Amino acid sequence: MVAKRKQDIEADQALVAAPRSFAIAAGGVATGEDFAKLMSAVMSDVIEGRITARDANAVCNAGGKLLQIVEMQFKYGSRIAEERPVFRLV
């Protein structure tokens, strides 16, 4: 078997150490499914020691704010849309 070079070993370790949640976050969170995948990946990353608890806390706080925005849009968005007059060009 061929011995691996030091650069190859370091590259392999960097790939293993890369948090899974980074790839999901880089793709954006647009749906509930995206959000669930991100939070699941964050939990896995914390358990495996890929990210710190402090970073996970920041992600969870930001996720909570995102959910509040969605909730406010759901509660108040439809009423505002119904009250707006619809203008049509004739």
PDB file of N, CA and C in Angstrom:
ATOM      1  N   MET A   1       0.849  -1.181   0.000  1.00  0.00           N
ATOM      2  CA  MET A   1       0.000   0.000   0.000  1.00  0.00           C
ATOM      3  C   MET A   1       0.893   1.242   0.000  1.00  0.00           C
ATOM      4  N   VAL A   2       0.488   2.229  -0.741  1.00  0.00           N
ATOM      5  CA  VAL A   2       1.262   3.452  -0.868  1.00  0.00           C
ATOM      6  C   VAL A   2       1.007   4.342   0.345  1.00  0.00           C
ATOM      7  N   ALA A   3       2.075   4.855   0.911  1.00  0.00           N
ATOM      8  CA  ALA A   3       1.941   5.754   2.060  1.00  0.00           C
ATOM      9  C   ALA A   3       1.396   7.096   1.593  1.00  0.00           C
ATOM     10  N   LYS A   4       0.509   7.668   2.379  1.00  0.00           N
ATOM     11  CA  LYS A   4      -0.053   8.978   2.034  1.00  0.00           C
ATOM     12  C   LYS A   4       0.927  10.080   2.375  1.00  0.00           C
ATOM     13  N   ARG A   5       0.899  11.099   1.544  1.00  0.00           N
ATOM     14  CA  ARG A   5       1.733  12.269   1.829  1.00  0.00           C
ATOM     15  C   ARG A   5       1.090  13.092   2.935  1.00  0.00           C
ATOM     16  N   LYS A   6       1.895  13.920   3.566  1.00  0.00           N
ATOM     17  CA  LYS A   6       1.417  14.738   4.678  1.00  0.00           C
ATOM     18  C   LYS A   6       0.285  15.673   4.230  1.00  0.00           C
ATOM     19  N   GLN A   7       0.402  16.242   3.020  1.00  0.00           N
ATOM     20  CA  GLN A   7      -0.623  17.158   2.522  1.00  0.00           C
ATOM     21  C   GLN A   7      -1.958  16.432   2.334  1.00  0.00           C
ATOM     22  N   ASP A   8      -1.891  15.181   1.845  1.00  0.00           N
ATOM     23  CA  ASP A   8      -3.117  14.411   1.645  1.00  0.00           C
ATOM     24  C   ASP A   8      -3.792  14.095   2.970  1.00  0.00           C
ATOM     25  N   ILE A   9      -3.004  13.757   3.968  1.00  0.00           N
ATOM     26  CA  ILE A   9      -3.545  13.441   5.291  1.00  0.00           C
ATOM     27  C   ILE A   9      -4.205  14.674   5.893  1.00  0.00           C
ATOM     28  N   GLU A  10      -3.548  15.829   5.787  1.00  0.00           N
ATOM     29  CA  GLU A  10      -4.116  17.061   6.325  1.00  0.00           C
ATOM     30  C   GLU A  10      -5.402  17.434   5.588  1.00  0.00           C
ATOM     31  N   ALA A  11      -5.433  17.218   4.276  1.00  0.00           N
ATOM     32  CA  ALA A  11      -6.641  17.518   3.500  1.00  0.00           C
ATOM     33  C   ALA A  11      -7.787  16.598   3.928  1.00  0.00           C
ATOM     34  N   ASP A  12      -7.492  15.313   4.138  1.00  0.00           N
ATOM     35  CA  ASP A  12      -8.516  14.370   4.598  1.00  0.00           C
ATOM     36  C   ASP A  12      -9.060  14.781   5.957  1.00  0.00           C
ATOM     37  N   GLN A  13      -8.186  15.195   6.853  1.00  0.00           N
ATOM     38  CA  GLN A  13      -8.624  15.607   8.187  1.00  0.00           C
ATOM     39  C   GLN A  13      -9.470  16.871   8.117  1.00  0.00           C
ATOM     40  N   ALA A  14      -9.123  17.775   7.208  1.00  0.00           N
ATOM     41  CA  ALA A  14      -9.910  19.002   7.057  1.00  0.00           C
ATOM     42  C   ALA A  14     -11.312  18.680   6.561  1.00  0.00           C
ATOM     43  N   LEU A  15     -11.426  17.706   5.652  1.00  0.00           N
ATOM     44  CA  LEU A  15     -12.749  17.331   5.154  1.00  0.00           C
ATOM     45  C   LEU A  15     -13.585  16.681   6.248  1.00  0.00           C
ATOM     46  N   VAL A  16     -12.968  15.858   7.054  1.00  0.00           N
ATOM     47  CA  VAL A  16     -13.680  15.189   8.135  1.00  0.00           C
ATOM     48  C   VAL A  16     -14.109  16.198   9.187  1.00  0.00           C
ATOM     49  N   ALA A  17     -13.279  17.187   9.446  1.00  0.00           N
ATOM     50  CA  ALA A  17     -13.556  18.150  10.502  1.00  0.00           C
ATOM     51  C   ALA A  17     -14.552  19.234  10.081  1.00  0.00           C
ATOM     52  N   ALA A  18     -14.861  19.338   8.801  1.00  0.00           N
ATOM     53  CA  ALA A  18     -15.768  20.392   8.337  1.00  0.00           C
ATOM     54  C   ALA A  18     -17.187  20.117   8.838  1.00  0.00           C
ATOM     55  N   PRO A  19     -17.796  21.077   9.523  1.00  0.00           N
ATOM     56  CA  PRO A  19     -19.164  20.890  10.023  1.00  0.00           C
ATOM     57  C   PRO A  19     -20.167  20.705   8.890  1.00  0.00           C
ATOM     58  N   ARG A  20     -21.053  19.770   9.045  1.00  0.00           N
ATOM     59  CA  ARG A  20     -22.080  19.495   8.032  1.00  0.00           C
ATOM     60  C   ARG A  20     -23.068  20.648   7.908  1.00  0.00           C
ATOM     61  N   SER A  21     -23.290  21.330   9.015  1.00  0.00           N
ATOM     62  CA  SER A  21     -24.281  22.413   8.999  1.00  0.00           C
ATOM     63  C   SER A  21     -23.827  23.592   8.144  1.00  0.00           C
ATOM     64  N   PHE A  22     -22.524  23.751   7.920  1.00  0.00           N
ATOM     65  CA  PHE A  22     -22.029  24.862   7.109  1.00  0.00           C
ATOM     66  C   PHE A  22     -22.534  24.756   5.674  1.00  0.00           C
ATOM     67  N   ALA A  23     -22.524  23.565   5.126  1.00  0.00           N
ATOM     68  CA  ALA A  23     -22.977  23.375   3.745  1.00  0.00           C
ATOM     69  C   ALA A  23     -24.464  23.693   3.612  1.00  0.00           C
ATOM     70  N   ILE A  24     -25.244  23.294   4.596  1.00  0.00           N
ATOM     71  CA  ILE A  24     -26.684  23.562   4.557  1.00  0.00           C
ATOM     72  C   ILE A  24     -26.948  25.057   4.694  1.00  0.00           C
ATOM     73  N   ALA A  25     -26.247  25.692   5.620  1.00  0.00           N
ATOM     74  CA  ALA A  25     -26.423  27.130   5.829  1.00  0.00           C
ATOM     75  C   ALA A  25     -25.992  27.923   4.600  1.00  0.00           C
ATOM     76  N   ALA A  26     -24.933  27.480   3.935  1.00  0.00           N
ATOM     77  CA  ALA A  26     -24.454  28.175   2.740  1.00  0.00           C
ATOM     78  C   ALA A  26     -25.485  28.117   1.615  1.00  0.00           C
ATOM     79  N   GLY A  27     -26.264  27.038   1.583  1.00  0.00           N
ATOM     80  CA  GLY A  27     -27.304  26.907   0.566  1.00  0.00           C
ATOM     81  C   GLY A  27     -28.533  27.743   0.859  1.00  0.00           C
ATOM     82  N   GLY A  28     -28.646  28.225   2.089  1.00  0.00           N
ATOM     83  CA  GLY A  28     -29.787  29.056   2.473  1.00  0.00           C
ATOM     84  C   GLY A  28     -30.893  28.241   3.116  1.00  0.00           C
ATOM     85  N   VAL A  29     -31.683  28.918   3.919  1.00  0.00           N
ATOM     86  CA  VAL A  29     -32.821  28.291   4.596  1.00  0.00           C
ATOM     87  C   VAL A  29     -34.079  28.991   4.102  1.00  0.00           C
ATOM     88  N   ALA A  30     -34.791  28.307   3.212  1.00  0.00           N
ATOM     89  CA  ALA A  30     -35.976  28.919   2.616  1.00  0.00           C
ATOM     90  C   ALA A  30     -37.269  28.201   2.992  1.00  0.00           C
ATOM     91  N   THR A  31     -37.162  26.960   3.432  1.00  0.00           N
ATOM     92  CA  THR A  31     -38.363  26.187   3.757  1.00  0.00           C
ATOM     93  C   THR A  31     -38.231  25.580   5.144  1.00  0.00           C
ATOM     94  N   GLY A  32     -39.331  25.061   5.635  1.00  0.00           N
ATOM     95  CA  GLY A  32     -39.306  24.375   6.918  1.00  0.00           C
ATOM     96  C   GLY A  32     -38.407  23.159   6.881  1.00  0.00           C
ATOM     97  N   GLU A  33     -38.372  22.486   5.752  1.00  0.00           N
ATOM     98  CA  GLU A  33     -37.503  21.316   5.600  1.00  0.00           C
ATOM     99  C   GLU A  33     -36.034  21.722   5.679  1.00  0.00           C
ATOM    100  N   ASP A  34     -35.680  22.851   5.051  1.00  0.00           N
ATOM    101  CA  ASP A  34     -34.304  23.365   5.136  1.00  0.00           C
ATOM    102  C   ASP A  34     -33.942  23.665   6.585  1.00  0.00           C
ATOM    103  N   PHE A  35     -34.877  24.288   7.294  1.00  0.00           N
ATOM    104  CA  PHE A  35     -34.642  24.653   8.690  1.00  0.00           C
ATOM    105  C   PHE A  35     -34.433  23.403   9.545  1.00  0.00           C
ATOM    106  N   ALA A  36     -35.269  22.392   9.329  1.00  0.00           N
ATOM    107  CA  ALA A  36     -35.145  21.146  10.090  1.00  0.00           C
ATOM    108  C   ALA A  36     -33.816  20.454   9.799  1.00  0.00           C
ATOM    109  N   LYS A  37     -33.402  20.440   8.537  1.00  0.00           N
ATOM    110  CA  LYS A  37     -32.115  19.832   8.182  1.00  0.00           C
ATOM    111  C   LYS A  37     -30.955  20.580   8.828  1.00  0.00           C
ATOM    112  N   LEU A  38     -31.039  21.916   8.826  1.00  0.00           N
ATOM    113  CA  LEU A  38     -29.977  22.711   9.437  1.00  0.00           C
ATOM    114  C   LEU A  38     -29.878  22.440  10.931  1.00  0.00           C
ATOM    115  N   MET A  39     -31.007  22.451  11.623  1.00  0.00           N
ATOM    116  CA  MET A  39     -30.981  22.226  13.072  1.00  0.00           C
ATOM    117  C   MET A  39     -30.502  20.815  13.414  1.00  0.00           C
ATOM    118  N   SER A  40     -30.885  19.844  12.609  1.00  0.00           N
ATOM    119  CA  SER A  40     -30.427  18.479  12.818  1.00  0.00           C
ATOM    120  C   SER A  40     -28.916  18.393  12.628  1.00  0.00           C
ATOM    121  N   ALA A  41     -28.410  19.054  11.595  1.00  0.00           N
ATOM    122  CA  ALA A  41     -26.968  19.052  11.336  1.00  0.00           C
ATOM    123  C   ALA A  41     -26.211  19.777  12.442  1.00  0.00           C
ATOM    124  N   VAL A  42     -26.784  20.862  12.957  1.00  0.00           N
ATOM    125  CA  VAL A  42     -26.139  21.583  14.062  1.00  0.00           C
ATOM    126  C   VAL A  42     -26.033  20.685  15.287  1.00  0.00           C
ATOM    127  N   MET A  43     -27.114  19.973  15.607  1.00  0.00           N
ATOM    128  CA  MET A  43     -27.068  19.055  16.755  1.00  0.00           C
ATOM    129  C   MET A  43     -25.999  17.989  16.562  1.00  0.00           C
ATOM    130  N   SER A  44     -25.928  17.432  15.368  1.00  0.00           N
ATOM    131  CA  SER A  44     -24.914  16.411  15.093  1.00  0.00           C
ATOM    132  C   SER A  44     -23.505  16.991  15.206  1.00  0.00           C
ATOM    133  N   ASP A  45     -23.329  18.199  14.681  1.00  0.00           N
ATOM    134  CA  ASP A  45     -22.010  18.840  14.739  1.00  0.00           C
ATOM    135  C   ASP A  45     -21.564  19.104  16.176  1.00  0.00           C
ATOM    136  N   VAL A  46     -22.501  19.503  17.028  1.00  0.00           N
ATOM    137  CA  VAL A  46     -22.158  19.749  18.431  1.00  0.00           C
ATOM    138  C   VAL A  46     -21.776  18.448  19.117  1.00  0.00           C
ATOM    139  N   ILE A  47     -22.556  17.410  18.898  1.00  0.00           N
ATOM    140  CA  ILE A  47     -22.282  16.126  19.531  1.00  0.00           C
ATOM    141  C   ILE A  47     -20.923  15.573  19.094  1.00  0.00           C
ATOM    142  N   GLU A  48     -20.596  15.757  17.804  1.00  0.00           N
ATOM    143  CA  GLU A  48     -19.332  15.244  17.279  1.00  0.00           C
ATOM    144  C   GLU A  48     -18.161  16.183  17.554  1.00  0.00           C
ATOM    145  N   GLY A  49     -18.441  17.350  18.104  1.00  0.00           N
ATOM    146  CA  GLY A  49     -17.380  18.299  18.419  1.00  0.00           C
ATOM    147  C   GLY A  49     -16.881  19.093  17.227  1.00  0.00           C
ATOM    148  N   ARG A  50     -17.683  19.156  16.175  1.00  0.00           N
ATOM    149  CA  ARG A  50     -17.290  19.912  14.980  1.00  0.00           C
ATOM    150  C   ARG A  50     -17.512  21.410  15.148  1.00  0.00           C
ATOM    151  N   ILE A  51     -18.498  21.797  15.954  1.00  0.00           N
ATOM    152  CA  ILE A  51     -18.703  23.211  16.281  1.00  0.00           C
ATOM    153  C   ILE A  51     -18.863  23.333  17.791  1.00  0.00           C
ATOM    154  N   THR A  52     -18.640  24.528  18.292  1.00  0.00           N
ATOM    155  CA  THR A  52     -18.727  24.755  19.730  1.00  0.00           C
ATOM    156  C   THR A  52     -20.176  24.966  20.147  1.00  0.00           C
ATOM    157  N   ALA A  53     -20.422  24.789  21.408  1.00  0.00           N
ATOM    158  CA  ALA A  53     -21.762  25.022  21.946  1.00  0.00           C
ATOM    159  C   ALA A  53     -22.147  26.488  21.779  1.00  0.00           C
ATOM    160  N   ARG A  54     -21.176  27.368  21.853  1.00  0.00           N
ATOM    161  CA  ARG A  54     -21.439  28.804  21.674  1.00  0.00           C
ATOM    162  C   ARG A  54     -21.942  29.096  20.261  1.00  0.00           C
ATOM    163  N   ASP A  55     -21.307  28.477  19.265  1.00  0.00           N
ATOM    164  CA  ASP A  55     -21.752  28.660  17.880  1.00  0.00           C
ATOM    165  C   ASP A  55     -23.147  28.075  17.677  1.00  0.00           C
ATOM    166  N   ALA A  56     -23.382  26.911  18.262  1.00  0.00           N
ATOM    167  CA  ALA A  56     -24.703  26.280  18.149  1.00  0.00           C
ATOM    168  C   ALA A  56     -25.767  27.148  18.806  1.00  0.00           C
ATOM    169  N   ASN A  57     -25.436  27.763  19.927  1.00  0.00           N
ATOM    170  CA  ASN A  57     -26.373  28.652  20.605  1.00  0.00           C
ATOM    171  C   ASN A  57     -26.729  29.836  19.716  1.00  0.00           C
ATOM    172  N   ALA A  58     -25.737  30.386  19.042  1.00  0.00           N
ATOM    173  CA  ALA A  58     -25.987  31.516  18.143  1.00  0.00           C
ATOM    174  C   ALA A  58     -26.900  31.101  16.989  1.00  0.00           C
ATOM    175  N   VAL A  59     -26.672  29.919  16.449  1.00  0.00           N
ATOM    176  CA  VAL A  59     -27.511  29.425  15.355  1.00  0.00           C
ATOM    177  C   VAL A  59     -28.947  29.217  15.842  1.00  0.00           C
ATOM    178  N   CYS A  60     -29.095  28.640  17.018  1.00  0.00           N
ATOM    179  CA  CYS A  60     -30.438  28.405  17.570  1.00  0.00           C
ATOM    180  C   CYS A  60     -31.167  29.709  17.862  1.00  0.00           C
ATOM    181  N   ASN A  61     -30.466  30.702  18.376  1.00  0.00           N
ATOM    182  CA  ASN A  61     -31.092  32.005  18.622  1.00  0.00           C
ATOM    183  C   ASN A  61     -31.544  32.645  17.316  1.00  0.00           C
ATOM    184  N   ALA A  62     -30.687  32.593  16.299  1.00  0.00           N
ATOM    185  CA  ALA A  62     -31.051  33.151  14.995  1.00  0.00           C
ATOM    186  C   ALA A  62     -32.223  32.378  14.398  1.00  0.00           C
ATOM    187  N   GLY A  63     -32.217  31.052  14.561  1.00  0.00           N
ATOM    188  CA  GLY A  63     -33.328  30.233  14.068  1.00  0.00           C
ATOM    189  C   GLY A  63     -34.625  30.569  14.759  1.00  0.00           C
ATOM    190  N   GLY A  64     -34.563  30.831  16.059  1.00  0.00           N
ATOM    191  CA  GLY A  64     -35.759  31.232  16.799  1.00  0.00           C
ATOM    192  C   GLY A  64     -36.327  32.537  16.288  1.00  0.00           C
ATOM    193  N   LYS A  65     -35.457  33.488  15.963  1.00  0.00           N
ATOM    194  CA  LYS A  65     -35.911  34.774  15.413  1.00  0.00           C
ATOM    195  C   LYS A  65     -36.539  34.573  14.040  1.00  0.00           C
ATOM    196  N   LEU A  66     -35.953  33.689  13.248  1.00  0.00           N
ATOM    197  CA  LEU A  66     -36.509  33.389  11.937  1.00  0.00           C
ATOM    198  C   LEU A  66     -37.908  32.799  12.063  1.00  0.00           C
ATOM    199  N   LEU A  67     -38.085  31.894  13.016  1.00  0.00           N
ATOM    200  CA  LEU A  67     -39.405  31.309  13.235  1.00  0.00           C
ATOM    201  C   LEU A  67     -40.413  32.348  13.712  1.00  0.00           C
ATOM    202  N   GLN A  68     -39.956  33.317  14.515  1.00  0.00           N
ATOM    203  CA  GLN A  68     -40.853  34.392  14.953  1.00  0.00           C
ATOM    204  C   GLN A  68     -41.319  35.224  13.767  1.00  0.00           C
ATOM    205  N   ILE A  69     -40.426  35.489  12.843  1.00  0.00           N
ATOM    206  CA  ILE A  69     -40.788  36.257  11.647  1.00  0.00           C
ATOM    207  C   ILE A  69     -41.830  35.513  10.834  1.00  0.00           C
ATOM    208  N   VAL A  70     -41.617  34.211  10.641  1.00  0.00           N
ATOM    209  CA  VAL A  70     -42.572  33.397   9.890  1.00  0.00           C
ATOM    210  C   VAL A  70     -43.924  33.389  10.593  1.00  0.00           C
ATOM    211  N   GLU A  71     -43.900  33.269  11.921  1.00  0.00           N
ATOM    212  CA  GLU A  71     -45.149  33.276  12.681  1.00  0.00           C
ATOM    213  C   GLU A  71     -45.881  34.610  12.525  1.00  0.00           C
ATOM    214  N   MET A  72     -45.146  35.717  12.591  1.00  0.00           N
ATOM    215  CA  MET A  72     -45.772  37.035  12.436  1.00  0.00           C
ATOM    216  C   MET A  72     -46.340  37.202  11.032  1.00  0.00           C
ATOM    217  N   GLN A  73     -45.622  36.718  10.023  1.00  0.00           N
ATOM    218  CA  GLN A  73     -46.142  36.793   8.657  1.00  0.00           C
ATOM    219  C   GLN A  73     -47.410  35.961   8.522  1.00  0.00           C
ATOM    220  N   PHE A  74     -47.424  34.811   9.172  1.00  0.00           N
ATOM    221  CA  PHE A  74     -48.601  33.951   9.107  1.00  0.00           C
ATOM    222  C   PHE A  74     -49.785  34.597   9.816  1.00  0.00           C
ATOM    223  N   LYS A  75     -49.535  35.180  10.987  1.00  0.00           N
ATOM    224  CA  LYS A  75     -50.615  35.807  11.765  1.00  0.00           C
ATOM    225  C   LYS A  75     -51.135  37.079  11.120  1.00  0.00           C
ATOM    226  N   TYR A  76     -50.215  37.942  10.726  1.00  0.00           N
ATOM    227  CA  TYR A  76     -50.607  39.289  10.316  1.00  0.00           C
ATOM    228  C   TYR A  76     -50.510  39.539   8.820  1.00  0.00           C
ATOM    229  N   GLY A  77     -49.803  38.728   8.115  1.00  0.00           N
ATOM    230  CA  GLY A  77     -49.589  38.947   6.683  1.00  0.00           C
ATOM    231  C   GLY A  77     -50.847  38.830   5.860  1.00  0.00           C
ATOM    232  N   SER A  78     -51.671  37.834   6.158  1.00  0.00           N
ATOM    233  CA  SER A  78     -52.864  37.624   5.344  1.00  0.00           C
ATOM    234  C   SER A  78     -53.889  38.728   5.567  1.00  0.00           C
ATOM    235  N   ARG A  79     -54.008  39.235   6.780  1.00  0.00           N
ATOM    236  CA  ARG A  79     -54.971  40.310   7.054  1.00  0.00           C
ATOM    237  C   ARG A  79     -54.586  41.578   6.302  1.00  0.00           C
ATOM    238  N   ILE A  80     -53.315  41.889   6.310  1.00  0.00           N
ATOM    239  CA  ILE A  80     -52.853  43.093   5.613  1.00  0.00           C
ATOM    240  C   ILE A  80     -53.109  42.942   4.117  1.00  0.00           C
ATOM    241  N   ALA A  81     -52.855  41.766   3.578  1.00  0.00           N
ATOM    242  CA  ALA A  81     -53.067  41.545   2.149  1.00  0.00           C
ATOM    243  C   ALA A  81     -54.545  41.665   1.794  1.00  0.00           C
ATOM    244  N   GLU A  82     -55.438  41.228   2.687  1.00  0.00           N
ATOM    245  CA  GLU A  82     -56.869  41.309   2.418  1.00  0.00           C
ATOM    246  C   GLU A  82     -57.364  42.751   2.477  1.00  0.00           C
ATOM    247  N   GLU A  83     -56.746  43.578   3.313  1.00  0.00           N
ATOM    248  CA  GLU A  83     -57.187  44.960   3.470  1.00  0.00           C
ATOM    249  C   GLU A  83     -56.678  45.861   2.355  1.00  0.00           C
ATOM    250  N   ARG A  84     -55.639  45.452   1.671  1.00  0.00           N
ATOM    251  CA  ARG A  84     -55.091  46.277   0.595  1.00  0.00           C
ATOM    252  C   ARG A  84     -56.037  46.279  -0.594  1.00  0.00           C
ATOM    253  N   PRO A  85     -56.279  47.461  -1.131  1.00  0.00           N
ATOM    254  CA  PRO A  85     -57.125  47.494  -2.336  1.00  0.00           C
ATOM    255  C   PRO A  85     -56.349  46.936  -3.522  1.00  0.00           C
ATOM    256  N   VAL A  86     -57.054  46.289  -4.391  1.00  0.00           N
ATOM    257  CA  VAL A  86     -56.433  45.734  -5.589  1.00  0.00           C
ATOM    258  C   VAL A  86     -56.716  46.692  -6.727  1.00  0.00           C
ATOM    259  N   PHE A  87     -55.663  47.176  -7.352  1.00  0.00           N
ATOM    260  CA  PHE A  87     -55.807  48.109  -8.466  1.00  0.00           C
ATOM    261  C   PHE A  87     -55.573  47.364  -9.761  1.00  0.00           C
ATOM    262  N   ARG A  88     -56.437  47.621 -10.707  1.00  0.00           N
ATOM    263  CA  ARG A  88     -56.271  47.000 -12.019  1.00  0.00           C
ATOM    264  C   ARG A  88     -56.245  48.089 -13.069  1.00  0.00           C
ATOM    265  N   LEU A  89     -55.366  47.913 -14.006  1.00  0.00           N
ATOM    266  CA  LEU A  89     -55.312  48.840 -15.145  1.00  0.00           C
ATOM    267  C   LEU A  89     -56.339  48.410 -16.170  1.00  0.00           C
ATOM    268  N   VAL A  90     -57.125  49.390 -16.658  1.00  0.00           N
ATOM    269  CA  VAL A  90     -58.144  49.066 -17.655  1.00  0.00           C
ATOM    270  C   VAL A  90     -57.767  49.581 -19.005  1.00  0.00           C
TER     271      VAL A  90
END
